[in-house]
Each structure stands twice: as C-alpha cells, then as structure tokens.
Protein backbone atom coordinates (compact mmCIF):
# COMPACT_ATOMS: atom_id res chain seq x y z
CA UNK A 1 -31.30 -55.71 21.78
CA UNK A 2 -33.04 -52.83 19.97
CA UNK A 3 -32.18 -50.50 22.86
CA UNK A 4 -28.52 -51.52 22.64
CA UNK A 5 -28.45 -50.86 18.90
CA UNK A 6 -30.07 -47.44 19.46
CA UNK A 7 -27.49 -46.49 22.09
CA UNK A 8 -24.61 -47.57 19.85
CA UNK A 9 -26.06 -45.56 16.95
CA UNK A 10 -26.46 -42.49 19.16
CA UNK A 11 -22.87 -42.74 20.38
CA UNK A 12 -21.65 -43.10 16.79
CA UNK A 13 -23.31 -39.78 15.86
CA UNK A 14 -22.45 -37.84 19.01
CA UNK A 15 -18.86 -39.01 19.60
CA UNK A 16 -17.27 -37.13 16.65
CA UNK A 17 -18.93 -33.92 17.82
CA UNK A 18 -17.41 -34.30 21.27
CA UNK A 19 -14.04 -35.25 19.76
CA UNK A 20 -14.03 -32.12 17.62
CA UNK A 21 -14.88 -29.85 20.53
CA UNK A 22 -12.01 -28.16 22.45
CA UNK A 23 -10.70 -30.43 25.15
CA UNK A 24 -10.07 -29.09 28.70
CA UNK A 25 -6.41 -28.60 29.51
CA UNK A 26 -6.85 -28.18 33.27
CA UNK A 27 -9.63 -28.25 35.88
CA UNK A 28 -9.52 -26.27 39.10
CA UNK A 29 -12.17 -26.75 41.76
CA UNK A 30 -13.58 -23.60 43.33
CA UNK A 31 -16.30 -22.91 45.85
CA UNK A 32 -18.79 -22.26 43.06
CA UNK A 33 -17.75 -25.10 40.75
CA UNK A 34 -14.82 -25.62 38.38
CA UNK A 35 -12.60 -23.25 36.38
CA UNK A 36 -11.81 -24.81 33.01
CA UNK A 37 -8.66 -23.93 31.02
CA UNK A 38 -8.61 -24.90 27.33
CA UNK A 39 -5.57 -25.52 25.12
CA UNK A 40 -6.50 -22.76 22.67
CA UNK A 41 -7.26 -19.05 22.72
CA UNK A 42 -10.74 -17.88 21.82
CA UNK A 43 -9.73 -14.63 20.12
CA UNK A 44 -12.56 -12.33 19.03
CA UNK A 45 -11.81 -10.36 15.86
CA UNK A 46 -12.44 -6.62 15.89
CA UNK A 47 -12.24 -6.27 12.10
CA UNK A 48 -9.37 -3.75 12.28
CA UNK A 49 -6.05 -4.49 10.61
CA UNK A 50 -2.71 -2.96 9.70
CA UNK A 51 -0.60 -3.68 6.61
CA UNK A 52 2.99 -2.98 5.56
CA UNK A 53 4.14 -3.52 1.97
CA UNK A 54 7.32 -3.14 -0.07
CA UNK A 55 6.69 -1.94 -3.63
CA UNK A 56 8.43 -2.17 -6.98
CA UNK A 57 7.01 0.68 -9.08
CA UNK A 58 7.35 1.19 -12.84
CA UNK A 59 6.64 4.88 -13.56
CA UNK A 60 6.01 6.55 -16.92
CA UNK A 61 5.65 10.30 -17.47
CA UNK A 62 6.78 13.27 -19.54
CA UNK A 63 8.66 16.21 -18.05
CA UNK A 64 8.68 19.47 -20.02
CA UNK A 65 11.00 22.28 -19.01
CA UNK A 66 11.92 25.77 -20.14
CA UNK A 67 14.44 28.35 -19.02
CA UNK A 68 15.86 31.74 -19.93
CA UNK A 69 19.37 30.80 -18.86
CA UNK A 70 22.55 30.46 -20.91
CA UNK A 71 24.15 28.03 -21.74
CA UNK A 72 20.94 26.04 -21.21
CA UNK A 73 18.71 25.74 -24.24
CA UNK A 74 16.34 28.76 -24.09
CA UNK A 75 13.64 26.83 -25.95
CA UNK A 76 11.19 24.49 -24.30
CA UNK A 77 12.37 20.90 -24.25
CA UNK A 78 11.10 17.66 -22.72
CA UNK A 79 12.13 14.22 -21.50
CA UNK A 80 10.01 11.08 -21.82
CA UNK A 81 10.40 8.44 -19.10
CA UNK A 82 8.93 4.95 -19.60
CA UNK A 83 8.57 2.22 -16.97
CA UNK A 84 11.34 3.56 -14.77
CA UNK A 85 11.84 1.05 -11.89
CA UNK A 86 11.60 2.72 -8.48
CA UNK A 87 11.30 1.18 -5.03
CA UNK A 88 8.65 2.28 -2.57
CA UNK A 89 6.95 1.44 0.69
CA UNK A 90 3.41 1.87 1.97
CA UNK A 91 1.50 1.43 5.21
CA UNK A 92 -2.25 0.91 5.50
CA UNK A 93 -4.76 0.81 8.35
CA UNK A 94 -8.25 -0.48 7.72
CA UNK A 95 -11.33 -2.36 8.84
CA UNK A 96 -13.31 -5.34 7.57
CA UNK A 97 -17.06 -4.67 7.48
CA UNK A 98 -18.16 -8.23 6.80
CA UNK A 99 -16.63 -11.34 5.28
CA UNK A 100 -16.23 -9.82 1.82
CA UNK A 101 -15.76 -6.05 2.16
CA UNK A 102 -13.00 -3.98 3.76
CA UNK A 103 -11.73 -0.40 3.53
CA UNK A 104 -8.39 1.19 4.41
CA UNK A 105 -6.34 4.38 4.37
CA UNK A 106 -2.95 3.95 2.69
CA UNK A 107 0.09 6.22 2.95
CA UNK A 108 3.00 5.53 0.60
CA UNK A 109 6.27 6.85 -0.72
CA UNK A 110 7.85 6.12 -4.13
CA UNK A 111 11.60 6.59 -3.91
CA UNK A 112 13.71 9.16 -5.74
CA UNK A 113 14.30 9.13 -9.48
CA UNK A 114 17.48 10.91 -10.62
CA UNK A 115 18.45 12.26 -14.04
CA UNK A 116 20.99 14.74 -15.44
CA UNK A 117 20.36 17.08 -18.35
CA UNK A 118 22.21 20.17 -19.63
CA UNK A 119 24.13 20.60 -16.42
CA UNK A 120 21.14 20.29 -14.06
CA UNK A 121 20.44 17.29 -11.82
CA UNK A 122 16.74 16.46 -11.69
CA UNK A 123 15.27 14.43 -8.79
CA UNK A 124 11.67 13.26 -8.56
CA UNK A 125 9.77 11.50 -5.72
CA UNK A 126 6.09 10.75 -5.16
CA UNK A 127 4.54 10.58 -1.67
CA UNK A 128 0.78 9.88 -1.67
CA UNK A 129 -2.28 9.26 0.50
CA UNK A 130 -5.23 7.12 -0.66
CA UNK A 131 -8.54 5.67 0.56
CA UNK A 132 -9.04 2.11 -0.77
CA UNK A 133 -11.97 -0.30 -0.87
CA UNK A 134 -11.57 -4.06 -1.44
CA UNK A 135 -13.75 -7.08 -2.16
CA UNK A 136 -12.30 -10.37 -0.89
CA UNK A 137 -13.23 -13.64 -2.59
CA UNK A 138 -13.41 -16.86 -0.59
CA UNK A 139 -10.32 -18.31 -2.34
CA UNK A 140 -7.94 -15.57 -1.15
CA UNK A 141 -8.02 -13.37 -4.24
CA UNK A 142 -9.31 -9.79 -4.07
CA UNK A 143 -9.99 -6.72 -6.20
CA UNK A 144 -10.14 -3.08 -5.19
CA UNK A 145 -10.08 0.58 -6.14
CA UNK A 146 -8.82 3.75 -4.51
CA UNK A 147 -8.91 7.55 -4.68
CA UNK A 148 -6.56 10.04 -3.07
CA UNK A 149 -3.95 12.71 -3.55
CA UNK A 150 -0.27 12.66 -4.44
CA UNK A 151 2.50 15.13 -3.62
CA UNK A 152 4.88 15.12 -6.63
CA UNK A 153 8.19 16.60 -5.53
CA UNK A 154 11.05 17.74 -7.76
CA UNK A 155 14.48 18.93 -6.68
CA UNK A 156 17.07 20.63 -8.93
CA UNK A 157 20.81 20.82 -8.32
CA UNK A 158 23.56 22.54 -10.34
CA UNK A 159 27.02 24.03 -9.59
CA UNK A 160 25.68 27.59 -9.68
CA UNK A 161 22.80 27.03 -7.27
CA UNK A 162 23.16 28.35 -3.74
CA UNK A 163 21.71 26.89 -0.52
CA UNK A 164 19.25 29.78 -0.42
CA UNK A 165 17.72 28.88 -3.77
CA UNK A 166 14.28 27.28 -3.73
CA UNK A 167 15.49 24.11 -5.40
CA UNK A 168 12.76 21.77 -4.07
CA UNK A 169 9.08 22.10 -4.99
CA UNK A 170 6.06 19.98 -3.99
CA UNK A 171 2.67 20.00 -5.69
CA UNK A 172 -0.72 18.42 -4.91
CA UNK A 173 -2.53 16.30 -7.52
CA UNK A 174 -5.49 13.88 -7.59
CA UNK A 175 -4.64 10.17 -7.76
CA UNK A 176 -6.53 6.94 -8.45
CA UNK A 177 -5.70 3.23 -8.31
CA UNK A 178 -7.10 -0.13 -9.43
CA UNK A 179 -5.86 -3.17 -7.49
CA UNK A 180 -5.90 -6.93 -7.63
CA UNK A 181 -4.11 -9.40 -5.39
CA UNK A 182 -3.96 -12.52 -3.26
CA UNK A 183 -3.84 -12.97 0.51
CA UNK A 184 -2.51 -16.14 2.17
CA UNK A 185 -3.33 -16.68 5.83
CA UNK A 186 -0.43 -17.84 8.02
CA UNK A 187 -2.40 -18.03 11.28
CA UNK A 188 -5.33 -16.37 13.03
CA UNK A 189 -3.79 -12.90 12.74
CA UNK A 190 -1.05 -12.76 10.05
CA UNK A 191 -1.55 -12.83 6.29
CA UNK A 192 0.93 -12.60 3.41
CA UNK A 193 -0.32 -10.03 0.88
CA UNK A 194 0.62 -9.91 -2.82
CA UNK A 195 -0.79 -6.99 -4.82
CA UNK A 196 -0.69 -5.49 -8.30
CA UNK A 197 -1.83 -1.90 -8.73
CA UNK A 198 -2.35 0.32 -11.74
CA UNK A 199 -2.32 3.92 -10.53
CA UNK A 200 -2.20 7.35 -12.07
CA UNK A 201 -1.78 10.91 -10.89
CA UNK A 202 -1.93 14.19 -12.75
CA UNK A 203 1.29 16.12 -13.01
CA UNK A 204 2.13 19.53 -11.66
CA UNK A 205 4.08 22.62 -12.70
CA UNK A 206 7.04 23.92 -10.68
CA UNK A 207 8.53 27.36 -11.33
CA UNK A 208 11.77 28.65 -9.80
CA UNK A 209 14.06 31.66 -9.72
CA UNK A 210 17.50 30.16 -9.19
CA UNK A 211 20.85 31.72 -8.34
CA UNK A 212 19.20 35.13 -8.69
CA UNK A 213 20.02 34.92 -12.39
CA UNK A 214 17.59 32.75 -14.31
CA UNK A 215 14.09 31.35 -14.40
CA UNK A 216 13.37 27.62 -14.66
CA UNK A 217 10.05 25.82 -15.10
CA UNK A 218 9.31 22.10 -15.26
CA UNK A 219 5.85 20.76 -16.08
CA UNK A 220 5.05 17.11 -15.39
CA UNK A 221 2.40 15.34 -17.43
CA UNK A 222 0.24 12.40 -16.37
CA UNK A 223 2.25 9.96 -14.21
CA UNK A 224 1.37 6.28 -14.73
CA UNK A 225 2.44 3.70 -12.17
CA UNK A 226 2.40 -0.10 -12.47
CA UNK A 227 3.46 -1.57 -9.13
CA UNK A 228 3.96 -5.02 -7.64
CA UNK A 229 3.87 -5.25 -3.85
CA UNK A 230 4.56 -7.90 -1.22
CA UNK A 231 3.84 -7.42 2.46
CA UNK A 232 2.12 -8.60 5.61
CA UNK A 233 -1.28 -7.83 7.10
CA UNK A 234 -2.08 -8.17 10.80
CA UNK A 235 -5.67 -8.51 11.99
CA UNK A 236 -6.40 -7.30 15.52
C-alpha cells in the first residue's frame, strides 16, 4: 500500500512537468532511431533588432536674420517659433546586450516647416543621426539617452531668386536626447513601441548671396524638440 501511495505521489509531481513540455507533432522512424517534429519553433534570439517609428515633433527655436536688401528691413530682425507641430520618421538598428541593456543607431528626419516674411519664403527641416542607449525594465517600460549630430537645413524662395542662387544651406550641429517609453510584445519577434523624447540641437548660421544683388544671413538658435513616437520593433 505504501508503494502504491509513493507511485501516485511521484506521478502527481512529474505529470505536470511532462504536460508542460512540448508535445511531439509527428514521429518518423529512421535507421538510426526516430525524427521528432514539434508543434512549435525553437527560435534562438541573436539580440539584433530593427525599429521603425512615426513621430509627432513639437519644435521651438529662434531664427535671426539680416540683409542689405531693399525693400527688406536692413536691420537685424528675428522670429520666435514655439512648439511648432511637425511630422517625422526615424529608423533604428540595434542590439540587446543582456536582458536589461540595448544600444542602437537611429537615423531620422523631421519634416519641413514653412513660413513667409517680408516677401521671402523660409523652409526649415532637420535630418539627424544619433547613437542611443536604453535600459529596459521588466514591466515593459524603458529609459534612455542619446548623442549625435543634426543637419539643420534652410531653404529660401522669393520672386527675384534665380535657379542658380544658392537658396538651400545645410549645417552640422551636435544633438542630444533623453527618452522614456513603453514596449508591448505582440509575439516572439514583434513589439509595439511608444516613446517620448526630449531632444535639443544647437543652431547654425547660413549666409547667402542671392540674385547677385543682396546678402542674406539667418542664424538659428538652440532648437528644442519634444516628440511623441509610435512604431514597431522586430527582433531577429
């Protein structure tokens, strides 16, 4: 009777372990034994991943300009822009080093901002390249920081400008970012990614000789960006 009770107790402990184990889907007899096919894929993770995000950016900056042209105001003037909503997109490729830490390279583009002043159309866009590091918590939330460079680009248009004029200028400026977000796993490979980022980049100065008649300079101050992003991340 004691032996029977011991066997029943052993089966009670061992049975759930066998039930939880992957069950064979098919058996095929070979000369050396059996080939077993399971109903799941044992996918080994490399740690590499790619991400694609759509961004809503709120940019704030000051643009100072001066010119020697008439009828434009010959004195230096400026425009202040606050939380201008601009759409953007970014792509990132990175690697997870352990359960908590990962690093990535991010390339992004913040779409054109347009404004008109004293007969000149002003267009501003902000491509950038950053290296980011993240710490992932076990509940899906994460924090991170990044350093990189931006390429602030301004383009001027006016009735008197010719196609030969150097109307578009691109500068190079340092950039930083502080991030926080949440990742929700859909399956073994895909995650939904929600991110907030506070970023900043130093402005640049663009000088032009336009229409062979006048000189124009615009100087951008510090550019502050508050962005909200939604995207997907795929783990290889």
